[in-house]
Amino acid sequence: MRALVQRVKEARVDVAGTTVGSIEQGLLLFVGVSPEDTPETADALAQKVVKLRIFSDEQGKMNLNVSAVSGQILVVSQFTLYADARRGNRPSYTAAAPPDQATRLYEEFCERVRAQGVAVATGQFAADMQVHLINDGPVTLWLDSEVLFGR
């Protein structure tokens, strides 16, 4: 699994002009799934995201996690995180999981985050979404389960 993590002051996802998920302070996550991912991968990545100390403490040092600041998480499915643009100008997405598997693991990831006591909002899987956000920092991190945890 891959996650692009952005610290935000607020974020929302609209589908066909209707807001389907929104948060105030917290993390906006774009999450992609590969065919090799498992529920264990989803759990490990969820634990990593919730424990990331990327919010400022009283001294201005990034030392607090999303729970410590009573933050929320907005999770948006993003198969394009597995784009391969090495050849030509049109990316290939063959490294992304098929929709059925991706849906299951995306939902599993969201549940694993919720199980850690963090409020989770979501986009709509496989929909044409418009994502609105106000970055905080900006602070943006790239997490790749293959690099973080191996396979």
N, C-alpha and C. Protein backbone atom coordinates (compact mmCIF):
# COMPACT_ATOMS: atom_id res chain seq x y z
N MET A 1 0.85 -1.18 0.00
CA MET A 1 0.00 0.00 0.00
C MET A 1 0.88 1.23 0.00
N ARG A 2 0.35 2.26 -0.61
CA ARG A 2 1.04 3.55 -0.61
C ARG A 2 0.08 4.59 -0.08
N ALA A 3 0.64 5.54 0.65
CA ALA A 3 -0.17 6.64 1.16
C ALA A 3 0.59 7.94 1.00
N LEU A 4 -0.06 8.91 0.44
CA LEU A 4 0.43 10.27 0.43
C LEU A 4 -0.31 10.96 1.56
N VAL A 5 0.44 11.42 2.56
CA VAL A 5 -0.12 11.97 3.79
C VAL A 5 0.09 13.48 3.79
N GLN A 6 -0.99 14.22 3.98
CA GLN A 6 -0.90 15.67 4.05
C GLN A 6 -1.53 16.14 5.35
N ARG A 7 -0.77 16.96 6.09
CA ARG A 7 -1.32 17.58 7.30
C ARG A 7 -2.19 18.75 6.84
N VAL A 8 -3.43 18.79 7.31
CA VAL A 8 -4.37 19.80 6.83
C VAL A 8 -5.08 20.51 7.97
N LYS A 9 -5.49 21.74 7.68
CA LYS A 9 -6.35 22.49 8.60
C LYS A 9 -7.79 22.06 8.39
N GLU A 10 -8.12 21.70 7.15
CA GLU A 10 -9.43 21.14 6.82
C GLU A 10 -9.35 20.53 5.43
N ALA A 11 -10.27 19.59 5.16
CA ALA A 11 -10.33 18.95 3.84
C ALA A 11 -11.71 18.36 3.63
N ARG A 12 -12.09 18.28 2.36
CA ARG A 12 -13.36 17.64 2.03
C ARG A 12 -13.27 17.03 0.63
N VAL A 13 -14.17 16.09 0.38
CA VAL A 13 -14.27 15.44 -0.92
C VAL A 13 -15.70 15.59 -1.40
N ASP A 14 -15.83 16.08 -2.64
CA ASP A 14 -17.15 16.22 -3.27
C ASP A 14 -17.25 15.25 -4.43
N VAL A 15 -18.46 14.70 -4.60
CA VAL A 15 -18.79 13.86 -5.74
C VAL A 15 -20.09 14.41 -6.32
N ALA A 16 -20.06 14.78 -7.58
CA ALA A 16 -21.23 15.32 -8.28
C ALA A 16 -21.85 16.50 -7.51
N GLY A 17 -20.99 17.35 -6.95
CA GLY A 17 -21.46 18.55 -6.27
C GLY A 17 -21.91 18.36 -4.83
N THR A 18 -21.80 17.13 -4.32
CA THR A 18 -22.21 16.84 -2.95
C THR A 18 -21.00 16.41 -2.13
N THR A 19 -20.86 16.97 -0.94
CA THR A 19 -19.76 16.58 -0.06
C THR A 19 -20.04 15.20 0.52
N VAL A 20 -19.10 14.27 0.29
CA VAL A 20 -19.26 12.90 0.79
C VAL A 20 -18.39 12.63 2.01
N GLY A 21 -17.39 13.46 2.25
CA GLY A 21 -16.52 13.30 3.41
C GLY A 21 -15.81 14.60 3.70
N SER A 22 -15.70 14.94 4.99
CA SER A 22 -14.98 16.17 5.35
C SER A 22 -14.41 16.05 6.74
N ILE A 23 -13.31 16.77 6.96
CA ILE A 23 -12.68 16.82 8.28
C ILE A 23 -12.23 18.25 8.56
N GLU A 24 -11.96 18.49 9.83
CA GLU A 24 -11.29 19.72 10.21
C GLU A 24 -9.82 19.37 10.37
N GLN A 25 -9.14 19.85 11.39
CA GLN A 25 -7.71 19.57 11.54
C GLN A 25 -7.43 18.08 11.53
N GLY A 26 -6.38 17.71 10.81
CA GLY A 26 -6.00 16.31 10.79
C GLY A 26 -5.15 15.97 9.60
N LEU A 27 -5.42 14.78 9.03
CA LEU A 27 -4.63 14.26 7.93
C LEU A 27 -5.52 13.91 6.75
N LEU A 28 -5.08 14.31 5.57
CA LEU A 28 -5.69 13.87 4.32
C LEU A 28 -4.78 12.79 3.77
N LEU A 29 -5.34 11.62 3.52
CA LEU A 29 -4.56 10.50 3.01
C LEU A 29 -5.08 10.09 1.64
N PHE A 30 -4.18 10.03 0.68
CA PHE A 30 -4.48 9.41 -0.60
C PHE A 30 -3.87 8.02 -0.52
N VAL A 31 -4.68 6.98 -0.68
CA VAL A 31 -4.22 5.61 -0.44
C VAL A 31 -4.40 4.77 -1.70
N GLY A 32 -3.32 4.08 -2.09
CA GLY A 32 -3.34 3.16 -3.21
C GLY A 32 -3.01 1.76 -2.74
N VAL A 33 -3.54 0.77 -3.44
CA VAL A 33 -3.38 -0.64 -3.07
C VAL A 33 -2.73 -1.39 -4.23
N SER A 34 -1.79 -2.28 -3.89
CA SER A 34 -1.16 -3.14 -4.90
C SER A 34 -1.69 -4.57 -4.75
N PRO A 35 -1.51 -5.41 -5.76
CA PRO A 35 -1.99 -6.80 -5.68
C PRO A 35 -1.34 -7.61 -4.56
N GLU A 36 -0.16 -7.21 -4.12
CA GLU A 36 0.54 -7.94 -3.06
C GLU A 36 0.06 -7.58 -1.66
N ASP A 37 -0.75 -6.55 -1.53
CA ASP A 37 -1.17 -6.10 -0.20
C ASP A 37 -2.18 -7.05 0.43
N THR A 38 -2.17 -7.06 1.77
CA THR A 38 -3.01 -7.95 2.56
C THR A 38 -3.65 -7.16 3.70
N PRO A 39 -4.57 -7.76 4.45
CA PRO A 39 -5.10 -7.08 5.63
C PRO A 39 -4.00 -6.70 6.63
N GLU A 40 -2.96 -7.50 6.69
CA GLU A 40 -1.84 -7.19 7.58
C GLU A 40 -1.11 -5.93 7.12
N THR A 41 -0.99 -5.76 5.80
CA THR A 41 -0.39 -4.55 5.26
C THR A 41 -1.23 -3.34 5.64
N ALA A 42 -2.54 -3.47 5.48
CA ALA A 42 -3.46 -2.37 5.83
C ALA A 42 -3.34 -2.02 7.31
N ASP A 43 -3.24 -3.02 8.16
CA ASP A 43 -3.11 -2.77 9.60
C ASP A 43 -1.80 -2.07 9.93
N ALA A 44 -0.71 -2.55 9.36
CA ALA A 44 0.60 -1.95 9.65
C ALA A 44 0.65 -0.49 9.18
N LEU A 45 0.12 -0.22 8.01
CA LEU A 45 0.12 1.15 7.51
C LEU A 45 -0.80 2.04 8.34
N ALA A 46 -1.94 1.52 8.75
CA ALA A 46 -2.86 2.29 9.59
C ALA A 46 -2.19 2.66 10.91
N GLN A 47 -1.50 1.71 11.51
CA GLN A 47 -0.80 1.99 12.78
C GLN A 47 0.27 3.06 12.58
N LYS A 48 1.02 2.96 11.49
CA LYS A 48 2.07 3.93 11.20
C LYS A 48 1.49 5.33 11.04
N VAL A 49 0.41 5.45 10.27
CA VAL A 49 -0.20 6.76 10.01
C VAL A 49 -0.69 7.39 11.31
N VAL A 50 -1.39 6.64 12.12
CA VAL A 50 -1.95 7.19 13.37
C VAL A 50 -0.85 7.60 14.34
N LYS A 51 0.28 6.93 14.31
CA LYS A 51 1.36 7.23 15.24
C LYS A 51 2.35 8.29 14.74
N LEU A 52 2.21 8.70 13.47
CA LEU A 52 3.14 9.71 12.93
C LEU A 52 3.10 10.98 13.77
N ARG A 53 4.25 11.41 14.23
CA ARG A 53 4.34 12.62 15.05
C ARG A 53 4.69 13.79 14.13
N ILE A 54 3.66 14.36 13.52
CA ILE A 54 3.88 15.44 12.56
C ILE A 54 3.07 16.69 12.87
N PHE A 55 2.52 16.76 14.09
CA PHE A 55 1.83 17.96 14.55
C PHE A 55 2.68 18.64 15.60
N SER A 56 2.64 19.95 15.63
CA SER A 56 3.51 20.73 16.51
C SER A 56 3.05 20.69 17.97
N ASP A 57 4.03 20.60 18.87
CA ASP A 57 3.76 20.71 20.30
C ASP A 57 3.85 22.17 20.72
N GLU A 58 3.84 22.43 22.02
CA GLU A 58 3.88 23.80 22.54
C GLU A 58 5.15 24.55 22.13
N GLN A 59 6.22 23.85 21.88
CA GLN A 59 7.49 24.47 21.48
C GLN A 59 7.63 24.59 19.96
N GLY A 60 6.60 24.21 19.23
CA GLY A 60 6.66 24.30 17.77
C GLY A 60 7.37 23.13 17.11
N LYS A 61 7.72 22.10 17.87
CA LYS A 61 8.40 20.93 17.33
C LYS A 61 7.37 19.89 16.90
N MET A 62 7.55 19.29 15.72
CA MET A 62 6.64 18.23 15.29
C MET A 62 6.87 17.02 16.19
N ASN A 63 5.97 16.88 17.16
CA ASN A 63 6.16 15.87 18.20
C ASN A 63 4.85 15.19 18.59
N LEU A 64 3.73 15.58 17.97
CA LEU A 64 2.43 15.04 18.35
C LEU A 64 1.81 14.28 17.18
N ASN A 65 1.05 13.23 17.50
CA ASN A 65 0.34 12.50 16.45
C ASN A 65 -1.09 13.02 16.31
N VAL A 66 -1.82 12.49 15.36
CA VAL A 66 -3.17 12.97 15.07
C VAL A 66 -4.10 12.82 16.27
N SER A 67 -3.95 11.78 17.04
CA SER A 67 -4.78 11.58 18.23
C SER A 67 -4.51 12.64 19.28
N ALA A 68 -3.26 13.00 19.45
CA ALA A 68 -2.87 13.97 20.48
C ALA A 68 -3.44 15.36 20.22
N VAL A 69 -3.77 15.65 18.96
CA VAL A 69 -4.34 16.97 18.64
C VAL A 69 -5.85 16.85 18.36
N SER A 70 -6.44 15.70 18.72
CA SER A 70 -7.87 15.44 18.47
C SER A 70 -8.21 15.64 17.00
N GLY A 71 -7.30 15.22 16.13
CA GLY A 71 -7.49 15.37 14.70
C GLY A 71 -8.31 14.25 14.10
N GLN A 72 -8.66 14.43 12.86
CA GLN A 72 -9.43 13.46 12.10
C GLN A 72 -8.64 13.08 10.86
N ILE A 73 -9.09 12.02 10.20
CA ILE A 73 -8.42 11.57 8.98
C ILE A 73 -9.44 11.42 7.86
N LEU A 74 -9.12 11.99 6.71
CA LEU A 74 -9.92 11.82 5.50
C LEU A 74 -9.13 10.92 4.56
N VAL A 75 -9.70 9.78 4.20
CA VAL A 75 -9.02 8.80 3.35
C VAL A 75 -9.68 8.78 1.97
N VAL A 76 -8.84 8.98 0.94
CA VAL A 76 -9.31 9.02 -0.44
C VAL A 76 -8.58 7.93 -1.22
N SER A 77 -9.33 7.06 -1.89
CA SER A 77 -8.71 6.02 -2.70
C SER A 77 -8.01 6.66 -3.90
N GLN A 78 -6.82 6.12 -4.24
CA GLN A 78 -6.01 6.76 -5.28
C GLN A 78 -5.16 5.71 -5.99
N PHE A 79 -5.76 4.99 -6.94
CA PHE A 79 -5.01 3.95 -7.65
C PHE A 79 -3.83 4.54 -8.41
N THR A 80 -3.88 5.82 -8.75
CA THR A 80 -2.81 6.43 -9.54
C THR A 80 -1.50 6.54 -8.77
N LEU A 81 -1.52 6.26 -7.47
CA LEU A 81 -0.25 6.22 -6.72
C LEU A 81 0.64 5.09 -7.22
N TYR A 82 0.05 4.15 -7.95
CA TYR A 82 0.83 3.04 -8.52
C TYR A 82 1.11 3.25 -10.01
N ALA A 83 1.05 4.48 -10.46
CA ALA A 83 1.35 4.78 -11.87
C ALA A 83 2.81 4.49 -12.18
N ASP A 84 3.04 3.97 -13.36
CA ASP A 84 4.39 3.75 -13.85
C ASP A 84 4.55 4.59 -15.12
N ALA A 85 5.34 5.64 -15.02
CA ALA A 85 5.52 6.57 -16.15
C ALA A 85 6.92 6.48 -16.73
N ARG A 86 7.59 5.35 -16.52
CA ARG A 86 8.97 5.20 -17.02
C ARG A 86 9.04 5.12 -18.53
N ARG A 87 8.01 4.58 -19.16
CA ARG A 87 8.03 4.41 -20.61
C ARG A 87 6.94 5.26 -21.24
N GLY A 88 7.29 6.09 -22.14
CA GLY A 88 6.32 6.91 -22.84
C GLY A 88 5.74 8.01 -21.96
N ASN A 89 4.66 8.58 -22.41
CA ASN A 89 4.03 9.69 -21.70
C ASN A 89 2.68 9.35 -21.11
N ARG A 90 2.22 8.14 -21.35
CA ARG A 90 0.95 7.70 -20.79
C ARG A 90 1.25 6.69 -19.69
N PRO A 91 0.96 7.03 -18.43
CA PRO A 91 1.28 6.10 -17.34
C PRO A 91 0.50 4.79 -17.44
N SER A 92 1.12 3.75 -16.96
CA SER A 92 0.49 2.44 -16.84
C SER A 92 0.07 2.26 -15.38
N TYR A 93 -1.05 1.60 -15.17
CA TYR A 93 -1.55 1.37 -13.81
C TYR A 93 -1.63 -0.11 -13.48
N THR A 94 -0.87 -0.93 -14.18
CA THR A 94 -0.92 -2.37 -13.96
C THR A 94 -0.40 -2.78 -12.59
N ALA A 95 0.34 -1.91 -11.91
CA ALA A 95 0.85 -2.25 -10.58
C ALA A 95 -0.19 -2.01 -9.48
N ALA A 96 -1.34 -1.41 -9.84
CA ALA A 96 -2.42 -1.20 -8.87
C ALA A 96 -3.26 -2.48 -8.77
N ALA A 97 -3.82 -2.69 -7.59
CA ALA A 97 -4.68 -3.86 -7.37
C ALA A 97 -5.97 -3.74 -8.18
N PRO A 98 -6.55 -4.89 -8.55
CA PRO A 98 -7.86 -4.85 -9.21
C PRO A 98 -8.91 -4.23 -8.27
N PRO A 99 -9.97 -3.66 -8.83
CA PRO A 99 -10.94 -2.93 -8.01
C PRO A 99 -11.52 -3.70 -6.82
N ASP A 100 -11.85 -4.98 -6.99
CA ASP A 100 -12.44 -5.74 -5.87
C ASP A 100 -11.48 -5.84 -4.70
N GLN A 101 -10.23 -6.19 -4.98
CA GLN A 101 -9.23 -6.29 -3.92
C GLN A 101 -8.94 -4.92 -3.33
N ALA A 102 -8.80 -3.92 -4.18
CA ALA A 102 -8.49 -2.58 -3.70
C ALA A 102 -9.60 -2.05 -2.79
N THR A 103 -10.85 -2.27 -3.17
CA THR A 103 -11.97 -1.83 -2.34
C THR A 103 -11.91 -2.47 -0.96
N ARG A 104 -11.72 -3.78 -0.92
CA ARG A 104 -11.66 -4.50 0.37
C ARG A 104 -10.54 -3.96 1.27
N LEU A 105 -9.35 -3.77 0.70
CA LEU A 105 -8.22 -3.33 1.52
C LEU A 105 -8.31 -1.86 1.88
N TYR A 106 -8.88 -1.05 1.03
CA TYR A 106 -9.13 0.36 1.35
C TYR A 106 -10.08 0.44 2.54
N GLU A 107 -11.17 -0.32 2.50
CA GLU A 107 -12.12 -0.34 3.61
C GLU A 107 -11.49 -0.91 4.87
N GLU A 108 -10.68 -1.95 4.71
CA GLU A 108 -9.96 -2.54 5.85
C GLU A 108 -9.04 -1.51 6.48
N PHE A 109 -8.32 -0.77 5.67
CA PHE A 109 -7.43 0.28 6.17
C PHE A 109 -8.22 1.30 6.99
N CYS A 110 -9.34 1.76 6.46
CA CYS A 110 -10.16 2.75 7.17
C CYS A 110 -10.63 2.19 8.51
N GLU A 111 -11.06 0.93 8.53
CA GLU A 111 -11.51 0.32 9.80
C GLU A 111 -10.37 0.19 10.80
N ARG A 112 -9.18 -0.12 10.32
CA ARG A 112 -8.03 -0.25 11.23
C ARG A 112 -7.66 1.11 11.83
N VAL A 113 -7.83 2.19 11.08
CA VAL A 113 -7.59 3.53 11.62
C VAL A 113 -8.66 3.84 12.67
N ARG A 114 -9.93 3.58 12.34
CA ARG A 114 -11.02 3.82 13.29
C ARG A 114 -10.82 3.03 14.59
N ALA A 115 -10.32 1.80 14.47
CA ALA A 115 -10.10 0.95 15.64
C ALA A 115 -9.09 1.56 16.61
N GLN A 116 -8.29 2.51 16.13
CA GLN A 116 -7.32 3.18 16.99
C GLN A 116 -7.90 4.45 17.61
N GLY A 117 -9.21 4.65 17.44
CA GLY A 117 -9.88 5.76 18.07
C GLY A 117 -9.86 7.07 17.32
N VAL A 118 -9.52 7.04 16.03
CA VAL A 118 -9.46 8.26 15.23
C VAL A 118 -10.70 8.32 14.34
N ALA A 119 -11.33 9.49 14.29
CA ALA A 119 -12.48 9.68 13.41
C ALA A 119 -12.01 9.67 11.97
N VAL A 120 -12.71 8.91 11.13
CA VAL A 120 -12.33 8.76 9.72
C VAL A 120 -13.50 9.14 8.83
N ALA A 121 -13.22 9.99 7.87
CA ALA A 121 -14.15 10.28 6.78
C ALA A 121 -13.52 9.73 5.52
N THR A 122 -14.34 9.47 4.51
CA THR A 122 -13.81 8.89 3.28
C THR A 122 -14.37 9.58 2.06
N GLY A 123 -13.67 9.34 0.96
CA GLY A 123 -14.21 9.71 -0.34
C GLY A 123 -15.13 8.59 -0.77
N GLN A 124 -15.40 8.52 -2.05
CA GLN A 124 -16.24 7.47 -2.61
C GLN A 124 -15.39 6.66 -3.58
N PHE A 125 -15.18 5.41 -3.27
CA PHE A 125 -14.29 4.56 -4.06
C PHE A 125 -14.71 4.56 -5.52
N ALA A 126 -13.74 4.75 -6.41
CA ALA A 126 -13.88 4.70 -7.87
C ALA A 126 -14.76 5.80 -8.44
N ALA A 127 -15.03 6.84 -7.66
CA ALA A 127 -15.84 7.95 -8.17
C ALA A 127 -14.92 9.05 -8.70
N ASP A 128 -15.49 9.94 -9.49
CA ASP A 128 -14.79 11.15 -9.93
C ASP A 128 -14.93 12.15 -8.79
N MET A 129 -13.87 12.33 -8.03
CA MET A 129 -13.92 13.15 -6.81
C MET A 129 -13.17 14.46 -7.00
N GLN A 130 -13.69 15.48 -6.34
CA GLN A 130 -12.99 16.75 -6.25
C GLN A 130 -12.56 16.89 -4.79
N VAL A 131 -11.26 17.04 -4.58
CA VAL A 131 -10.71 17.11 -3.23
C VAL A 131 -10.31 18.56 -2.95
N HIS A 132 -10.81 19.08 -1.84
CA HIS A 132 -10.52 20.45 -1.42
C HIS A 132 -9.77 20.37 -0.10
N LEU A 133 -8.69 21.15 0.01
CA LEU A 133 -7.94 21.10 1.25
C LEU A 133 -7.23 22.41 1.51
N ILE A 134 -6.98 22.63 2.78
CA ILE A 134 -6.10 23.72 3.20
C ILE A 134 -4.94 23.05 3.92
N ASN A 135 -3.77 23.05 3.25
CA ASN A 135 -2.58 22.45 3.84
C ASN A 135 -2.19 23.17 5.11
N ASP A 136 -1.57 22.43 6.01
CA ASP A 136 -1.06 22.97 7.26
C ASP A 136 0.45 22.76 7.24
N GLY A 137 1.18 23.79 6.92
CA GLY A 137 2.64 23.70 6.89
C GLY A 137 3.22 24.27 5.61
N PRO A 138 3.14 23.64 4.50
CA PRO A 138 2.59 22.31 4.26
C PRO A 138 3.53 21.20 4.76
N VAL A 139 2.90 20.14 5.21
CA VAL A 139 3.62 18.93 5.61
C VAL A 139 3.04 17.80 4.79
N THR A 140 3.88 17.17 3.96
CA THR A 140 3.45 16.08 3.10
C THR A 140 4.48 14.95 3.18
N LEU A 141 3.99 13.73 3.41
CA LEU A 141 4.86 12.55 3.52
C LEU A 141 4.39 11.47 2.55
N TRP A 142 5.36 10.72 2.04
CA TRP A 142 5.10 9.58 1.16
C TRP A 142 5.41 8.32 1.94
N LEU A 143 4.42 7.44 2.10
CA LEU A 143 4.63 6.17 2.80
C LEU A 143 4.36 5.02 1.84
N ASP A 144 5.30 4.08 1.79
CA ASP A 144 5.17 2.93 0.92
C ASP A 144 5.40 1.70 1.79
N SER A 145 4.40 0.85 1.91
CA SER A 145 4.50 -0.32 2.79
C SER A 145 5.65 -1.24 2.41
N GLU A 146 5.96 -1.31 1.12
CA GLU A 146 7.08 -2.17 0.69
C GLU A 146 8.39 -1.66 1.27
N VAL A 147 8.56 -0.35 1.28
CA VAL A 147 9.77 0.24 1.84
C VAL A 147 9.75 0.19 3.37
N LEU A 148 8.60 0.50 3.95
CA LEU A 148 8.49 0.54 5.41
C LEU A 148 8.57 -0.83 6.07
N PHE A 149 7.86 -1.80 5.49
CA PHE A 149 7.70 -3.09 6.18
C PHE A 149 8.24 -4.27 5.39
N GLY A 150 8.67 -4.07 4.15
CA GLY A 150 9.11 -5.18 3.32
C GLY A 150 7.91 -6.04 2.92
N ARG A 151 8.14 -7.10 2.20
CA ARG A 151 7.04 -8.03 1.85
C ARG A 151 7.51 -9.42 1.99
